[in-house]
PDB file of N, CA and C in Angstrom:
ATOM      1  N   MET A   1     -41.970  55.871  24.577  1.00  0.00           N
ATOM      2  CA  MET A   1     -40.616  54.997  24.622  1.00  0.00           C
ATOM      3  C   MET A   1     -40.808  53.559  24.325  1.00  0.00           C
ATOM      4  N   LYS A   2     -41.638  52.914  25.021  1.00  0.00           N
ATOM      5  CA  LYS A   2     -41.457  51.426  24.515  1.00  0.00           C
ATOM      6  C   LYS A   2     -42.154  50.978  23.061  1.00  0.00           C
ATOM      7  N   GLY A   3     -42.414  51.894  22.394  1.00  0.00           N
ATOM      8  CA  GLY A   3     -42.604  51.696  20.875  1.00  0.00           C
ATOM      9  C   GLY A   3     -41.474  51.945  20.439  1.00  0.00           C
ATOM     10  N   PHE A   4     -41.025  53.191  20.316  1.00  0.00           N
ATOM     11  CA  PHE A   4     -39.453  53.326  20.070  1.00  0.00           C
ATOM     12  C   PHE A   4     -38.856  51.976  19.799  1.00  0.00           C
ATOM     13  N   ALA A   5     -38.360  51.705  21.285  1.00  0.00           N
ATOM     14  CA  ALA A   5     -37.599  50.515  21.338  1.00  0.00           C
ATOM     15  C   ALA A   5     -37.865  49.300  20.921  1.00  0.00           C
ATOM     16  N   HIS A   6     -39.045  48.790  20.500  1.00  0.00           N
ATOM     17  CA  HIS A   6     -39.992  48.035  19.712  1.00  0.00           C
ATOM     18  C   HIS A   6     -39.120  47.724  17.801  1.00  0.00           C
ATOM     19  N   ILE A   7     -39.369  49.091  17.815  1.00  0.00           N
ATOM     20  CA  ILE A   7     -39.270  49.567  16.385  1.00  0.00           C
ATOM     21  C   ILE A   7     -37.844  49.582  16.071  1.00  0.00           C
ATOM     22  N   LEU A   8     -36.641  50.002  17.433  1.00  0.00           N
ATOM     23  CA  LEU A   8     -35.449  49.800  17.069  1.00  0.00           C
ATOM     24  C   LEU A   8     -34.913  48.220  16.857  1.00  0.00           C
ATOM     25  N   MET A   9     -35.665  47.714  17.795  1.00  0.00           N
ATOM     26  CA  MET A   9     -35.429  45.990  17.961  1.00  0.00           C
ATOM     27  C   MET A   9     -35.746  45.255  16.698  1.00  0.00           C
ATOM     28  N   LEU A  10     -37.097  45.858  15.781  1.00  0.00           N
ATOM     29  CA  LEU A  10     -37.273  45.379  14.624  1.00  0.00           C
ATOM     30  C   LEU A  10     -36.216  45.698  13.475  1.00  0.00           C
ATOM     31  N   PHE A  11     -36.023  47.068  13.663  1.00  0.00           N
ATOM     32  CA  PHE A  11     -34.996  47.551  12.368  1.00  0.00           C
ATOM     33  C   PHE A  11     -33.686  46.753  12.734  1.00  0.00           C
ATOM     34  N   SER A  12     -33.092  46.487  14.208  1.00  0.00           N
ATOM     35  CA  SER A  12     -31.454  45.883  13.999  1.00  0.00           C
ATOM     36  C   SER A  12     -31.930  44.476  13.515  1.00  0.00           C
ATOM     37  N   SER A  13     -32.654  44.080  13.991  1.00  0.00           N
ATOM     38  CA  SER A  13     -33.225  42.738  13.487  1.00  0.00           C
ATOM     39  C   SER A  13     -32.994  42.066  12.031  1.00  0.00           C
ATOM     40  N   SER A  14     -33.795  43.055  11.428  1.00  0.00           N
ATOM     41  CA  SER A  14     -33.671  43.042   9.792  1.00  0.00           C
ATOM     42  C   SER A  14     -32.501  43.641   9.274  1.00  0.00           C
ATOM     43  N   MET A  15     -31.587  44.407   9.566  1.00  0.00           N
ATOM     44  CA  MET A  15     -30.197  44.863   9.373  1.00  0.00           C
ATOM     45  C   MET A  15     -29.552  44.003   9.582  1.00  0.00           C
ATOM     46  N   PHE A  16     -29.716  42.817  10.522  1.00  0.00           N
ATOM     47  CA  PHE A  16     -28.771  41.690  10.750  1.00  0.00           C
ATOM     48  C   PHE A  16     -28.903  40.539   9.966  1.00  0.00           C
ATOM     49  N   ILE A  17     -30.323  40.343   9.437  1.00  0.00           N
ATOM     50  CA  ILE A  17     -30.816  39.232   8.161  1.00  0.00           C
ATOM     51  C   ILE A  17     -30.243  39.546   7.173  1.00  0.00           C
ATOM     52  N   SER A  18     -30.403  41.036   6.882  1.00  0.00           N
ATOM     53  CA  SER A  18     -30.200  41.268   5.657  1.00  0.00           C
ATOM     54  C   SER A  18     -28.429  41.186   4.911  1.00  0.00           C
ATOM     55  N   TYR A  19     -27.719  41.454   6.587  1.00  0.00           N
ATOM     56  CA  TYR A  19     -26.604  41.489   6.306  1.00  0.00           C
ATOM     57  C   TYR A  19     -25.960  40.060   6.265  1.00  0.00           C
ATOM     58  N   LEU A  20     -26.554  39.080   7.288  1.00  0.00           N
ATOM     59  CA  LEU A  20     -26.081  37.599   6.972  1.00  0.00           C
ATOM     60  C   LEU A  20     -26.230  36.939   5.395  1.00  0.00           C
ATOM     61  N   MET A  21     -27.356  37.575   4.650  1.00  0.00           N
ATOM     62  CA  MET A  21     -28.048  37.038   3.653  1.00  0.00           C
ATOM     63  C   MET A  21     -26.779  37.859   2.578  1.00  0.00           C
ATOM     64  N   LEU A  22     -26.498  39.284   2.482  1.00  0.00           N
ATOM     65  CA  LEU A  22     -25.527  39.810   1.775  1.00  0.00           C
ATOM     66  C   LEU A  22     -23.832  38.842   1.723  1.00  0.00           C
ATOM     67  N   ARG A  23     -23.967  38.446   2.908  1.00  0.00           N
ATOM     68  CA  ARG A  23     -22.478  37.924   3.456  1.00  0.00           C
ATOM     69  C   ARG A  23     -22.602  36.513   2.449  1.00  0.00           C
ATOM     70  N   ARG A  24     -23.910  35.485   2.827  1.00  0.00           N
ATOM     71  CA  ARG A  24     -23.638  34.349   1.908  1.00  0.00           C
ATOM     72  C   ARG A  24     -23.816  34.693   0.418  1.00  0.00           C
ATOM     73  N   ILE A  25     -24.653  35.702  -0.076  1.00  0.00           N
ATOM     74  CA  ILE A  25     -24.206  35.749  -1.564  1.00  0.00           C
ATOM     75  C   ILE A  25     -22.469  36.298  -1.769  1.00  0.00           C
ATOM     76  N   PHE A  26     -22.191  36.865  -1.483  1.00  0.00           N
ATOM     77  CA  PHE A  26     -20.578  37.290  -1.751  1.00  0.00           C
ATOM     78  C   PHE A  26     -19.810  35.909  -1.535  1.00  0.00           C
ATOM     79  N   ASP A  27     -19.946  35.194  -0.220  1.00  0.00           N
ATOM     80  CA  ASP A  27     -19.539  33.947  -0.210  1.00  0.00           C
ATOM     81  C   ASP A  27     -19.607  33.243  -1.508  1.00  0.00           C
ATOM     82  N   ALA A  28     -21.027  32.807  -2.093  1.00  0.00           N
ATOM     83  CA  ALA A  28     -21.317  32.095  -3.134  1.00  0.00           C
ATOM     84  C   ALA A  28     -20.579  32.536  -4.540  1.00  0.00           C
ATOM     85  N   LYS A  29     -20.592  34.412  -4.879  1.00  0.00           N
ATOM     86  CA  LYS A  29     -19.768  34.607  -5.714  1.00  0.00           C
ATOM     87  C   LYS A  29     -17.971  34.455  -5.662  1.00  0.00           C
ATOM     88  N   GLU A  30     -17.464  34.392  -4.333  1.00  0.00           N
ATOM     89  CA  GLU A  30     -16.491  34.151  -4.411  1.00  0.00           C
ATOM     90  C   GLU A  30     -16.109  32.605  -4.801  1.00  0.00           C
ATOM     91  N   ASN A  31     -16.821  31.710  -4.305  1.00  0.00           N
ATOM     92  CA  ASN A  31     -16.847  30.389  -4.489  1.00  0.00           C
ATOM     93  C   ASN A  31     -17.016  30.160  -5.994  1.00  0.00           C
ATOM     94  N   MET A  32     -17.875  30.714  -6.725  1.00  0.00           N
ATOM     95  CA  MET A  32     -17.837  30.312  -8.387  1.00  0.00           C
ATOM     96  C   MET A  32     -16.563  31.200  -9.150  1.00  0.00           C
ATOM     97  N   LEU A  33     -15.998  32.019  -8.592  1.00  0.00           N
ATOM     98  CA  LEU A  33     -14.947  32.519  -9.438  1.00  0.00           C
ATOM     99  C   LEU A  33     -13.645  31.157  -9.250  1.00  0.00           C
TER     100      LEU A  33
END
């Protein structure tokens, strides 16, 4: 159970980081237009 929680925490943090990077890329695209 502890290992599952650790994997879930890693997965959620990586999803959050990728979401922030995608949002930054979309903001840059809107600024270029």
